[in-house]
N, C-alpha and C. Protein backbone atom coordinates (compact mmCIF):
# COMPACT_ATOMS: atom_id res chain seq x y z
N MET A 1 -3.63 4.03 -27.26
CA MET A 1 -4.64 5.11 -27.37
C MET A 1 -4.34 5.91 -28.69
N ASP A 2 -5.43 6.26 -29.34
CA ASP A 2 -5.28 7.03 -30.60
C ASP A 2 -6.53 7.94 -30.66
N ASP A 3 -6.59 8.72 -31.72
CA ASP A 3 -7.70 9.67 -31.85
C ASP A 3 -9.08 9.03 -31.88
N GLN A 4 -9.09 7.83 -32.53
CA GLN A 4 -10.36 7.12 -32.64
C GLN A 4 -10.90 6.73 -31.28
N LYS A 5 -10.01 6.28 -30.42
CA LYS A 5 -10.37 5.88 -29.02
C LYS A 5 -10.80 7.13 -28.22
N LEU A 6 -10.01 8.20 -28.48
CA LEU A 6 -10.35 9.44 -27.82
C LEU A 6 -11.76 9.96 -28.19
N LEU A 7 -12.05 9.87 -29.45
CA LEU A 7 -13.42 10.20 -29.92
C LEU A 7 -14.50 9.38 -29.14
N LYS A 8 -14.20 8.10 -29.05
CA LYS A 8 -15.13 7.18 -28.35
C LYS A 8 -15.27 7.60 -26.89
N TYR A 9 -14.11 8.09 -26.28
CA TYR A 9 -14.15 8.56 -24.94
C TYR A 9 -15.12 9.76 -24.80
N TYR A 10 -14.94 10.74 -25.71
CA TYR A 10 -15.78 11.93 -25.72
C TYR A 10 -17.29 11.56 -25.90
N LEU A 11 -17.51 10.64 -26.81
CA LEU A 11 -18.90 10.23 -27.08
C LEU A 11 -19.53 9.51 -25.87
N ASN A 12 -18.73 8.75 -25.12
CA ASN A 12 -19.24 8.06 -23.96
C ASN A 12 -19.59 9.07 -22.85
N MET A 13 -18.84 10.20 -22.84
CA MET A 13 -19.21 11.29 -21.88
C MET A 13 -20.53 11.88 -22.18
N ARG A 14 -20.99 11.69 -23.45
CA ARG A 14 -22.28 12.29 -23.83
C ARG A 14 -23.35 11.22 -23.94
N GLU A 15 -23.07 10.04 -23.40
CA GLU A 15 -24.12 9.04 -23.36
C GLU A 15 -25.24 9.61 -22.51
N PRO A 16 -26.49 9.38 -22.98
CA PRO A 16 -27.66 10.12 -22.41
C PRO A 16 -27.73 10.16 -20.90
N GLU A 17 -27.57 9.01 -20.21
CA GLU A 17 -27.73 9.04 -18.77
C GLU A 17 -26.60 9.80 -18.08
N ALA A 18 -25.35 9.56 -18.50
CA ALA A 18 -24.19 10.27 -17.93
C ALA A 18 -24.30 11.78 -18.26
N TYR A 19 -24.57 12.10 -19.53
CA TYR A 19 -24.65 13.54 -19.91
C TYR A 19 -25.75 14.27 -19.18
N GLN A 20 -26.91 13.61 -18.96
CA GLN A 20 -27.97 14.26 -18.21
C GLN A 20 -27.51 14.59 -16.80
N TRP A 21 -26.76 13.69 -16.16
CA TRP A 21 -26.29 14.05 -14.83
C TRP A 21 -25.24 15.08 -14.89
N ASN A 22 -24.27 15.03 -15.84
CA ASN A 22 -23.20 16.00 -15.95
C ASN A 22 -23.76 17.47 -16.19
N MET A 23 -24.84 17.51 -16.85
CA MET A 23 -25.41 18.89 -17.09
C MET A 23 -26.42 19.37 -15.99
N SER A 24 -26.68 18.51 -15.01
CA SER A 24 -27.69 18.82 -14.02
C SER A 24 -27.17 19.85 -13.00
N PRO A 25 -28.05 20.61 -12.39
CA PRO A 25 -27.68 21.56 -11.32
C PRO A 25 -26.96 20.88 -10.18
N LYS A 26 -27.33 19.63 -9.87
CA LYS A 26 -26.65 18.95 -8.72
C LYS A 26 -25.21 18.68 -9.07
N SER A 27 -24.94 18.24 -10.27
CA SER A 27 -23.52 17.96 -10.63
C SER A 27 -22.71 19.28 -10.71
N LEU A 28 -23.31 20.26 -11.27
CA LEU A 28 -22.59 21.58 -11.40
C LEU A 28 -22.39 22.17 -10.01
N TYR A 29 -23.32 22.01 -9.10
CA TYR A 29 -23.24 22.45 -7.68
C TYR A 29 -21.99 21.79 -7.06
N LEU A 30 -21.90 20.52 -7.18
CA LEU A 30 -20.73 19.70 -6.58
C LEU A 30 -19.43 20.32 -7.14
N GLU A 31 -19.34 20.51 -8.49
CA GLU A 31 -18.11 21.05 -9.07
C GLU A 31 -17.83 22.44 -8.65
N LEU A 32 -18.79 23.29 -8.62
CA LEU A 32 -18.67 24.73 -8.24
C LEU A 32 -18.11 24.85 -6.85
N GLU A 33 -18.81 24.22 -5.92
CA GLU A 33 -18.41 24.34 -4.51
C GLU A 33 -17.05 23.73 -4.19
N THR A 34 -16.74 22.58 -4.86
CA THR A 34 -15.47 21.94 -4.59
C THR A 34 -14.28 22.77 -5.18
N ARG A 35 -14.48 23.29 -6.34
CA ARG A 35 -13.42 24.13 -6.94
C ARG A 35 -13.36 25.47 -6.19
N ASP A 36 -14.41 26.03 -5.79
CA ASP A 36 -14.38 27.31 -4.99
C ASP A 36 -13.68 27.08 -3.70
N PHE A 37 -13.93 26.01 -3.04
CA PHE A 37 -13.26 25.67 -1.75
C PHE A 37 -11.71 25.70 -2.00
N LEU A 38 -11.31 24.99 -3.02
CA LEU A 38 -9.84 24.91 -3.33
C LEU A 38 -9.29 26.36 -3.51
N LEU A 39 -9.93 27.15 -4.30
CA LEU A 39 -9.43 28.50 -4.58
C LEU A 39 -9.41 29.39 -3.37
N ARG A 40 -10.40 29.25 -2.46
CA ARG A 40 -10.46 30.09 -1.27
C ARG A 40 -9.47 29.65 -0.14
N GLN A 41 -9.23 28.37 -0.13
CA GLN A 41 -8.50 27.79 1.01
C GLN A 41 -6.99 27.48 0.72
N PHE A 42 -6.63 27.39 -0.50
CA PHE A 42 -5.25 26.99 -0.85
C PHE A 42 -4.60 27.99 -1.81
N GLU A 43 -3.32 28.06 -1.74
CA GLU A 43 -2.58 28.93 -2.60
C GLU A 43 -1.42 28.18 -3.29
N ALA A 44 -1.30 28.23 -4.58
CA ALA A 44 -0.16 27.60 -5.27
C ALA A 44 1.08 28.34 -5.03
N ALA A 45 2.13 27.65 -4.62
CA ALA A 45 3.49 28.35 -4.36
C ALA A 45 4.53 27.72 -5.23
N PRO A 46 5.51 28.49 -5.54
CA PRO A 46 6.60 28.04 -6.45
C PRO A 46 7.23 26.69 -5.96
N GLY A 47 7.33 25.73 -6.83
CA GLY A 47 7.92 24.46 -6.48
C GLY A 47 6.99 23.47 -5.81
N MET A 48 5.72 23.85 -5.81
CA MET A 48 4.68 23.02 -5.07
C MET A 48 4.56 21.65 -5.77
N LYS A 49 4.53 20.60 -4.93
CA LYS A 49 4.28 19.21 -5.42
C LYS A 49 2.95 18.80 -4.91
N ALA A 50 2.05 18.46 -5.78
CA ALA A 50 0.66 18.04 -5.46
C ALA A 50 0.36 16.64 -6.00
N CYS A 51 -0.54 15.99 -5.33
CA CYS A 51 -0.93 14.65 -5.81
C CYS A 51 -2.47 14.59 -5.67
N ASN A 52 -3.07 14.02 -6.68
CA ASN A 52 -4.53 13.71 -6.56
C ASN A 52 -4.76 12.14 -6.64
N ILE A 53 -5.56 11.71 -5.78
CA ILE A 53 -5.89 10.28 -5.69
C ILE A 53 -7.25 10.02 -6.36
N GLY A 54 -7.20 9.27 -7.48
CA GLY A 54 -8.39 8.94 -8.20
C GLY A 54 -8.67 9.87 -9.31
N ILE A 55 -8.41 9.51 -10.56
CA ILE A 55 -8.58 10.40 -11.73
C ILE A 55 -10.03 10.47 -12.18
N GLY A 56 -10.68 9.36 -12.28
CA GLY A 56 -12.08 9.35 -12.77
C GLY A 56 -12.07 9.89 -14.25
N VAL A 57 -12.96 10.86 -14.53
CA VAL A 57 -12.95 11.45 -15.90
C VAL A 57 -11.82 12.43 -16.08
N GLY A 58 -11.20 12.86 -15.00
CA GLY A 58 -9.98 13.68 -15.16
C GLY A 58 -10.21 15.21 -15.09
N GLU A 59 -11.41 15.63 -14.98
CA GLU A 59 -11.65 17.07 -14.98
C GLU A 59 -11.10 17.82 -13.72
N TRP A 60 -11.15 17.17 -12.59
CA TRP A 60 -10.54 17.72 -11.38
C TRP A 60 -9.01 17.85 -11.58
N ASP A 61 -8.42 16.82 -12.14
CA ASP A 61 -7.02 16.83 -12.38
C ASP A 61 -6.64 17.93 -13.38
N ASP A 62 -7.47 18.14 -14.40
CA ASP A 62 -7.22 19.20 -15.40
C ASP A 62 -7.30 20.52 -14.61
N TYR A 63 -8.22 20.66 -13.73
CA TYR A 63 -8.39 21.97 -13.02
C TYR A 63 -7.16 22.18 -12.06
N LEU A 64 -6.74 21.13 -11.38
CA LEU A 64 -5.57 21.24 -10.52
C LEU A 64 -4.33 21.69 -11.32
N GLY A 65 -4.19 21.13 -12.52
CA GLY A 65 -3.02 21.46 -13.35
C GLY A 65 -3.04 22.98 -13.66
N TYR A 66 -4.21 23.54 -13.97
CA TYR A 66 -4.31 25.01 -14.17
C TYR A 66 -4.07 25.76 -12.86
N PHE A 67 -4.54 25.25 -11.79
CA PHE A 67 -4.36 25.90 -10.46
C PHE A 67 -2.84 25.98 -10.14
N LEU A 68 -2.13 24.93 -10.48
CA LEU A 68 -0.66 24.92 -10.18
C LEU A 68 0.20 25.53 -11.24
N GLN A 69 -0.37 25.89 -12.36
CA GLN A 69 0.46 26.32 -13.53
C GLN A 69 1.42 27.44 -13.17
N GLY A 70 2.66 27.27 -13.50
CA GLY A 70 3.69 28.29 -13.24
C GLY A 70 4.29 28.09 -11.86
N ASN A 71 3.68 27.22 -11.08
CA ASN A 71 4.20 27.06 -9.68
C ASN A 71 4.57 25.64 -9.31
N GLY A 72 3.72 24.65 -9.83
CA GLY A 72 3.95 23.33 -9.28
C GLY A 72 3.51 22.27 -10.31
N GLN A 73 3.75 21.00 -9.88
CA GLN A 73 3.48 19.82 -10.69
C GLN A 73 2.51 18.90 -9.96
N LEU A 74 1.60 18.32 -10.71
CA LEU A 74 0.59 17.39 -10.19
C LEU A 74 0.92 15.95 -10.63
N THR A 75 0.89 15.09 -9.59
CA THR A 75 0.91 13.63 -9.87
C THR A 75 -0.54 13.16 -9.70
N SER A 76 -0.99 12.38 -10.65
CA SER A 76 -2.36 11.82 -10.57
C SER A 76 -2.29 10.29 -10.51
N ILE A 77 -2.96 9.70 -9.55
CA ILE A 77 -2.91 8.27 -9.33
C ILE A 77 -4.27 7.64 -9.56
N ASP A 78 -4.29 6.54 -10.35
CA ASP A 78 -5.54 5.81 -10.52
C ASP A 78 -5.17 4.31 -10.76
N ILE A 79 -6.02 3.38 -10.28
CA ILE A 79 -5.72 2.03 -10.41
C ILE A 79 -6.15 1.44 -11.77
N ASP A 80 -6.96 2.18 -12.52
CA ASP A 80 -7.53 1.70 -13.78
C ASP A 80 -6.68 2.07 -14.98
N PRO A 81 -6.09 1.06 -15.66
CA PRO A 81 -5.21 1.40 -16.80
C PRO A 81 -5.94 2.14 -17.92
N GLY A 82 -7.18 1.81 -18.19
CA GLY A 82 -7.93 2.55 -19.23
C GLY A 82 -8.07 3.97 -18.90
N ILE A 83 -8.41 4.30 -17.66
CA ILE A 83 -8.53 5.69 -17.24
C ILE A 83 -7.21 6.40 -17.39
N CYS A 84 -6.15 5.81 -16.94
CA CYS A 84 -4.84 6.45 -17.01
C CYS A 84 -4.38 6.71 -18.42
N GLU A 85 -4.63 5.72 -19.28
CA GLU A 85 -4.16 5.83 -20.68
C GLU A 85 -4.99 6.96 -21.39
N SER A 86 -6.30 6.93 -21.23
CA SER A 86 -7.11 7.95 -21.90
C SER A 86 -6.90 9.36 -21.35
N PHE A 87 -6.69 9.46 -20.02
CA PHE A 87 -6.41 10.75 -19.42
C PHE A 87 -5.09 11.33 -19.90
N THR A 88 -4.03 10.49 -19.95
CA THR A 88 -2.74 10.97 -20.39
C THR A 88 -2.78 11.43 -21.84
N TYR A 89 -3.44 10.58 -22.69
CA TYR A 89 -3.52 10.93 -24.13
C TYR A 89 -4.32 12.18 -24.34
N ARG A 90 -5.51 12.22 -23.62
CA ARG A 90 -6.36 13.40 -23.78
C ARG A 90 -5.65 14.71 -23.43
N GLN A 91 -5.00 14.73 -22.29
CA GLN A 91 -4.26 15.98 -21.88
C GLN A 91 -3.22 16.30 -22.91
N LYS A 92 -2.57 15.33 -23.47
CA LYS A 92 -1.51 15.67 -24.51
C LYS A 92 -2.17 16.16 -25.80
N ARG A 93 -3.25 15.49 -26.21
CA ARG A 93 -3.92 15.90 -27.44
C ARG A 93 -4.59 17.24 -27.35
N GLU A 94 -5.14 17.57 -26.15
CA GLU A 94 -5.78 18.84 -25.91
C GLU A 94 -4.75 19.96 -25.66
N GLY A 95 -3.52 19.59 -25.43
CA GLY A 95 -2.50 20.54 -25.20
C GLY A 95 -2.53 21.26 -23.82
N HIS A 96 -2.86 20.43 -22.82
CA HIS A 96 -2.91 21.05 -21.43
C HIS A 96 -1.52 21.61 -21.09
N PRO A 97 -1.49 22.90 -20.67
CA PRO A 97 -0.22 23.53 -20.42
C PRO A 97 0.54 23.04 -19.20
N ASN A 98 -0.10 22.29 -18.31
CA ASN A 98 0.63 21.75 -17.14
C ASN A 98 0.04 20.32 -16.86
N PRO A 99 0.34 19.39 -17.74
CA PRO A 99 -0.27 18.09 -17.63
C PRO A 99 0.28 17.30 -16.37
N SER A 100 -0.54 16.37 -15.96
CA SER A 100 -0.24 15.56 -14.83
C SER A 100 0.83 14.51 -15.21
N ALA A 101 1.60 14.16 -14.14
CA ALA A 101 2.45 12.99 -14.20
C ALA A 101 1.58 11.83 -13.71
N VAL A 102 1.19 10.93 -14.57
CA VAL A 102 0.18 9.93 -14.24
C VAL A 102 0.89 8.61 -13.79
N ARG A 103 0.33 8.11 -12.68
CA ARG A 103 0.77 6.81 -12.06
C ARG A 103 -0.40 5.84 -12.10
N CYS A 104 -0.28 4.81 -12.85
CA CYS A 104 -1.33 3.78 -12.87
C CYS A 104 -0.93 2.72 -11.81
N ASP A 105 -1.58 2.77 -10.69
CA ASP A 105 -1.18 1.90 -9.56
C ASP A 105 -2.25 1.91 -8.54
N ASP A 106 -2.15 0.95 -7.58
CA ASP A 106 -3.00 0.87 -6.46
C ASP A 106 -2.44 1.84 -5.43
N PHE A 107 -3.20 2.87 -5.01
CA PHE A 107 -2.68 3.90 -4.12
C PHE A 107 -2.15 3.29 -2.84
N LEU A 108 -2.70 2.25 -2.26
CA LEU A 108 -2.35 1.70 -1.03
C LEU A 108 -1.07 0.87 -1.07
N THR A 109 -0.71 0.42 -2.28
CA THR A 109 0.47 -0.46 -2.36
C THR A 109 1.63 0.17 -3.22
N CYS A 110 1.37 1.19 -3.93
CA CYS A 110 2.43 1.75 -4.81
C CYS A 110 3.45 2.47 -3.91
N PRO A 111 4.72 2.40 -4.32
CA PRO A 111 5.78 3.04 -3.56
C PRO A 111 5.87 4.59 -3.85
N LEU A 112 5.23 5.33 -3.03
CA LEU A 112 5.30 6.80 -3.14
C LEU A 112 6.30 7.35 -2.19
N PRO A 113 7.03 8.36 -2.53
CA PRO A 113 8.02 8.95 -1.59
C PRO A 113 7.34 9.51 -0.39
N SER A 114 7.97 9.31 0.75
CA SER A 114 7.41 9.81 2.02
C SER A 114 7.77 11.32 2.18
N MET A 115 6.89 12.02 2.82
CA MET A 115 7.09 13.47 3.17
C MET A 115 7.51 14.28 1.91
N GLU A 116 6.85 14.00 0.80
CA GLU A 116 7.22 14.55 -0.51
C GLU A 116 6.27 15.69 -0.98
N TYR A 117 4.99 15.57 -0.57
CA TYR A 117 3.96 16.46 -1.17
C TYR A 117 3.52 17.53 -0.28
N ASP A 118 3.31 18.70 -0.93
CA ASP A 118 2.80 19.89 -0.19
C ASP A 118 1.24 19.85 -0.18
N LEU A 119 0.64 19.21 -1.16
CA LEU A 119 -0.79 19.17 -1.18
C LEU A 119 -1.24 17.82 -1.81
N VAL A 120 -2.12 17.20 -1.10
CA VAL A 120 -2.80 15.99 -1.65
C VAL A 120 -4.28 16.27 -1.67
N THR A 121 -4.94 15.80 -2.77
CA THR A 121 -6.36 15.96 -2.82
C THR A 121 -7.03 14.61 -3.07
N MET A 122 -8.24 14.44 -2.49
CA MET A 122 -8.99 13.27 -2.69
C MET A 122 -10.48 13.65 -2.60
N ILE A 123 -11.16 13.51 -3.67
CA ILE A 123 -12.59 14.03 -3.74
C ILE A 123 -13.52 12.96 -4.26
N GLY A 124 -14.82 13.24 -4.05
CA GLY A 124 -15.88 12.45 -4.64
C GLY A 124 -15.88 11.01 -4.12
N SER A 125 -15.96 10.09 -5.01
CA SER A 125 -16.12 8.64 -4.60
C SER A 125 -14.81 7.97 -4.44
N ALA A 126 -13.66 8.68 -4.52
CA ALA A 126 -12.35 8.01 -4.50
C ALA A 126 -12.13 7.16 -3.32
N LEU A 127 -12.40 7.72 -2.07
CA LEU A 127 -12.15 6.93 -0.90
C LEU A 127 -13.14 5.77 -0.78
N ASN A 128 -14.38 5.91 -1.22
CA ASN A 128 -15.36 4.85 -1.24
C ASN A 128 -14.83 3.67 -2.14
N GLU A 129 -14.29 4.03 -3.27
CA GLU A 129 -13.83 3.07 -4.20
C GLU A 129 -12.56 2.32 -3.66
N ILE A 130 -11.67 3.06 -3.00
CA ILE A 130 -10.54 2.40 -2.39
C ILE A 130 -10.97 1.40 -1.30
N GLY A 131 -11.87 1.84 -0.49
CA GLY A 131 -12.52 0.91 0.49
C GLY A 131 -11.75 0.66 1.78
N ALA A 132 -10.66 1.33 2.00
CA ALA A 132 -9.87 1.12 3.21
C ALA A 132 -9.63 2.45 3.91
N TYR A 133 -10.57 2.80 4.78
CA TYR A 133 -10.64 4.16 5.34
C TYR A 133 -9.39 4.60 6.11
N ARG A 134 -9.00 3.95 7.25
CA ARG A 134 -7.89 4.39 7.97
C ARG A 134 -6.58 4.15 7.21
N LYS A 135 -6.51 3.08 6.48
CA LYS A 135 -5.26 2.78 5.76
C LYS A 135 -4.97 3.86 4.71
N THR A 136 -6.02 4.35 4.09
CA THR A 136 -5.91 5.42 3.08
C THR A 136 -5.42 6.69 3.72
N PHE A 137 -5.99 7.11 4.83
CA PHE A 137 -5.52 8.36 5.48
C PHE A 137 -4.13 8.22 6.03
N THR A 138 -3.78 7.04 6.49
CA THR A 138 -2.41 6.78 7.00
C THR A 138 -1.41 6.97 5.90
N ALA A 139 -1.77 6.37 4.71
CA ALA A 139 -0.87 6.54 3.59
C ALA A 139 -0.73 7.96 3.09
N ILE A 140 -1.85 8.70 3.13
CA ILE A 140 -1.78 10.14 2.79
C ILE A 140 -0.84 10.89 3.73
N SER A 141 -1.02 10.59 5.04
CA SER A 141 -0.21 11.23 6.08
C SER A 141 1.30 10.99 5.81
N ALA A 142 1.63 9.77 5.43
CA ALA A 142 2.99 9.48 5.16
C ALA A 142 3.58 10.23 3.95
N MET A 143 2.82 10.50 2.99
CA MET A 143 3.32 11.21 1.79
C MET A 143 3.33 12.74 1.91
N LEU A 144 2.62 13.28 2.88
CA LEU A 144 2.60 14.71 3.12
C LEU A 144 3.86 15.17 3.83
N LYS A 145 4.37 16.32 3.43
CA LYS A 145 5.43 17.02 4.21
C LYS A 145 4.82 17.50 5.51
N PRO A 146 5.61 17.62 6.57
CA PRO A 146 5.08 18.38 7.72
C PRO A 146 4.73 19.77 7.28
N GLY A 147 3.54 20.17 7.66
CA GLY A 147 2.95 21.47 7.14
C GLY A 147 2.25 21.29 5.85
N GLY A 148 2.26 20.10 5.25
CA GLY A 148 1.54 19.88 4.00
C GLY A 148 0.05 19.71 4.27
N HIS A 149 -0.72 19.90 3.25
CA HIS A 149 -2.19 19.90 3.33
C HIS A 149 -2.86 18.80 2.58
N LEU A 150 -4.00 18.39 3.11
CA LEU A 150 -4.95 17.51 2.42
C LEU A 150 -6.22 18.32 2.15
N MET A 151 -6.68 18.24 0.89
CA MET A 151 -8.07 18.75 0.62
C MET A 151 -8.87 17.45 0.35
N TYR A 152 -9.87 17.27 1.26
CA TYR A 152 -10.68 16.08 1.18
C TYR A 152 -12.09 16.48 1.00
N MET A 153 -12.75 15.97 0.02
CA MET A 153 -14.14 16.14 -0.29
C MET A 153 -14.89 14.81 -0.34
N ASP A 154 -15.97 14.66 0.35
CA ASP A 154 -16.67 13.37 0.32
C ASP A 154 -18.17 13.66 0.41
N LEU A 155 -18.90 12.65 0.01
CA LEU A 155 -20.37 12.70 0.17
C LEU A 155 -20.83 12.05 1.44
N VAL A 156 -21.81 12.61 2.17
CA VAL A 156 -22.25 12.06 3.44
C VAL A 156 -22.71 10.62 3.29
N LYS A 157 -23.24 10.27 2.11
CA LYS A 157 -23.72 8.96 1.91
C LYS A 157 -22.64 7.91 1.87
N TYR A 158 -21.40 8.39 1.68
CA TYR A 158 -20.24 7.46 1.69
C TYR A 158 -19.59 7.43 3.11
N HIS A 159 -19.29 8.61 3.59
CA HIS A 159 -18.59 8.76 4.91
C HIS A 159 -19.06 10.06 5.60
N ARG A 160 -19.35 9.95 6.85
CA ARG A 160 -19.66 11.13 7.67
C ARG A 160 -18.36 11.83 8.02
N LYS A 161 -18.42 13.13 8.10
CA LYS A 161 -17.15 13.86 8.45
C LYS A 161 -16.66 13.52 9.73
N GLU A 162 -17.47 13.16 10.65
CA GLU A 162 -17.05 12.80 12.04
C GLU A 162 -16.10 11.56 12.07
N GLU A 163 -16.24 10.70 11.03
CA GLU A 163 -15.32 9.58 10.98
C GLU A 163 -13.85 9.98 10.92
N LEU A 164 -13.58 11.06 10.16
CA LEU A 164 -12.22 11.54 10.07
C LEU A 164 -11.89 12.44 11.29
N LEU A 165 -12.79 13.24 11.72
CA LEU A 165 -12.53 14.11 12.85
C LEU A 165 -12.15 13.33 14.07
N ASP A 166 -12.66 12.11 14.21
CA ASP A 166 -12.38 11.30 15.39
C ASP A 166 -10.96 10.75 15.36
N ILE A 167 -10.32 10.70 14.23
CA ILE A 167 -8.95 10.13 14.19
C ILE A 167 -7.86 11.17 13.88
N LEU A 168 -8.17 12.43 13.93
CA LEU A 168 -7.16 13.48 13.61
C LEU A 168 -5.96 13.37 14.48
N GLY A 169 -6.14 13.16 15.76
CA GLY A 169 -5.03 13.07 16.72
C GLY A 169 -4.11 11.91 16.34
N GLU A 170 -4.67 10.77 16.04
CA GLU A 170 -3.91 9.62 15.68
C GLU A 170 -3.08 9.88 14.41
N LEU A 171 -3.62 10.62 13.48
CA LEU A 171 -2.94 10.95 12.21
C LEU A 171 -1.98 12.07 12.39
N LYS A 172 -2.07 12.83 13.53
CA LYS A 172 -1.24 14.07 13.75
C LYS A 172 -1.55 15.12 12.70
N TRP A 173 -2.84 15.29 12.54
CA TRP A 173 -3.36 16.34 11.62
C TRP A 173 -4.19 17.33 12.45
N ARG A 174 -4.32 18.55 11.85
CA ARG A 174 -5.23 19.53 12.45
C ARG A 174 -6.17 19.95 11.35
N LEU A 175 -7.44 20.15 11.75
CA LEU A 175 -8.48 20.66 10.84
C LEU A 175 -8.32 22.18 10.76
N GLU A 176 -8.18 22.70 9.55
CA GLU A 176 -8.06 24.15 9.35
C GLU A 176 -9.30 24.74 8.82
N ALA A 177 -10.12 23.98 8.08
CA ALA A 177 -11.40 24.53 7.53
C ALA A 177 -12.29 23.38 7.17
N ILE A 178 -13.54 23.58 7.37
CA ILE A 178 -14.57 22.52 6.95
C ILE A 178 -15.83 23.30 6.53
N GLU A 179 -16.39 22.85 5.46
CA GLU A 179 -17.65 23.40 4.97
C GLU A 179 -18.55 22.33 4.55
N ALA A 180 -19.83 22.42 4.94
CA ALA A 180 -20.82 21.38 4.61
C ALA A 180 -21.83 21.99 3.61
N TYR A 181 -22.23 21.21 2.68
CA TYR A 181 -23.11 21.67 1.61
C TYR A 181 -24.35 20.80 1.59
N GLU A 182 -25.50 21.40 1.83
CA GLU A 182 -26.72 20.58 1.99
C GLU A 182 -27.89 21.14 1.16
N ARG A 183 -27.56 21.88 0.07
CA ARG A 183 -28.65 22.40 -0.79
C ARG A 183 -29.54 21.33 -1.36
N TYR A 184 -28.89 20.19 -1.76
CA TYR A 184 -29.61 19.05 -2.31
C TYR A 184 -29.49 17.89 -1.34
N PRO A 185 -30.55 17.51 -0.70
CA PRO A 185 -30.46 16.41 0.35
C PRO A 185 -29.88 15.08 -0.16
N SER A 186 -30.08 14.82 -1.47
CA SER A 186 -29.60 13.57 -2.01
C SER A 186 -28.11 13.49 -2.28
N ILE A 187 -27.47 14.68 -2.30
CA ILE A 187 -26.02 14.73 -2.48
C ILE A 187 -25.30 15.63 -1.50
N ARG A 188 -25.65 15.48 -0.19
CA ARG A 188 -25.05 16.27 0.83
C ARG A 188 -23.57 15.93 0.86
N PHE A 189 -22.67 16.92 0.94
CA PHE A 189 -21.22 16.67 0.92
C PHE A 189 -20.55 17.70 1.77
N TYR A 190 -19.21 17.52 1.93
CA TYR A 190 -18.48 18.46 2.73
C TYR A 190 -17.02 18.51 2.12
N CYS A 191 -16.33 19.63 2.38
CA CYS A 191 -14.94 19.76 2.02
C CYS A 191 -14.09 20.17 3.28
N MET A 192 -12.95 19.54 3.34
CA MET A 192 -12.07 19.85 4.52
C MET A 192 -10.68 20.23 4.07
N LYS A 193 -10.08 21.11 4.83
CA LYS A 193 -8.68 21.47 4.70
C LYS A 193 -8.00 21.00 5.98
N LEU A 194 -7.00 20.10 5.78
CA LEU A 194 -6.28 19.52 6.94
C LEU A 194 -4.80 19.71 6.76
N VAL A 195 -4.08 19.87 7.85
CA VAL A 195 -2.67 20.04 7.77
C VAL A 195 -1.94 18.95 8.61
N ARG A 196 -0.83 18.42 8.09
CA ARG A 196 -0.02 17.52 8.82
C ARG A 196 0.87 18.32 9.78
N LEU A 197 0.86 17.96 11.08
CA LEU A 197 1.54 18.76 12.07
C LEU A 197 3.03 18.37 12.20
N GLU A 198 3.39 17.13 12.04
CA GLU A 198 4.80 16.77 12.23
C GLU A 198 5.19 15.57 11.30
């Protein structure tokens, strides 16, 4: 990765179809409500260890880094080498004050420490792209400390919230907060705050 490739990355973000979506009220609504849910429901504490599953364009990971600044460290996992390389380089080049520790790996098979994380986040299309519903949540449960939290945001078109609510007992999780967002019928989504009990 170099500055020329980074410029290409920025220009791709402004490709007409993608840029039109990124600037749309629907896209901004998704971002606003998801970030607002994080700020209202979670608090960064000294020594906090957090992990985000699925980097994508990396703006959520950028935001989590600022959220944790001065208190904790974020690990960001994605299976795509190009995404991981460009995200790592971009954060360094832009001078992010609390950059992610990036792992380029398959979340379901990579060796992550058990009961290590205070907070795990998974938002947007991440779970849909992984494609293994129960296995993904079982892996998240294993990496959370007892008392650790998951922030999960998903679109109804990918998974209904009841799918997770039905297996909370099996996972030994408790639902602490849930909000549904239905302003735009084509992008109905929800955010959940869940805690690992033991």
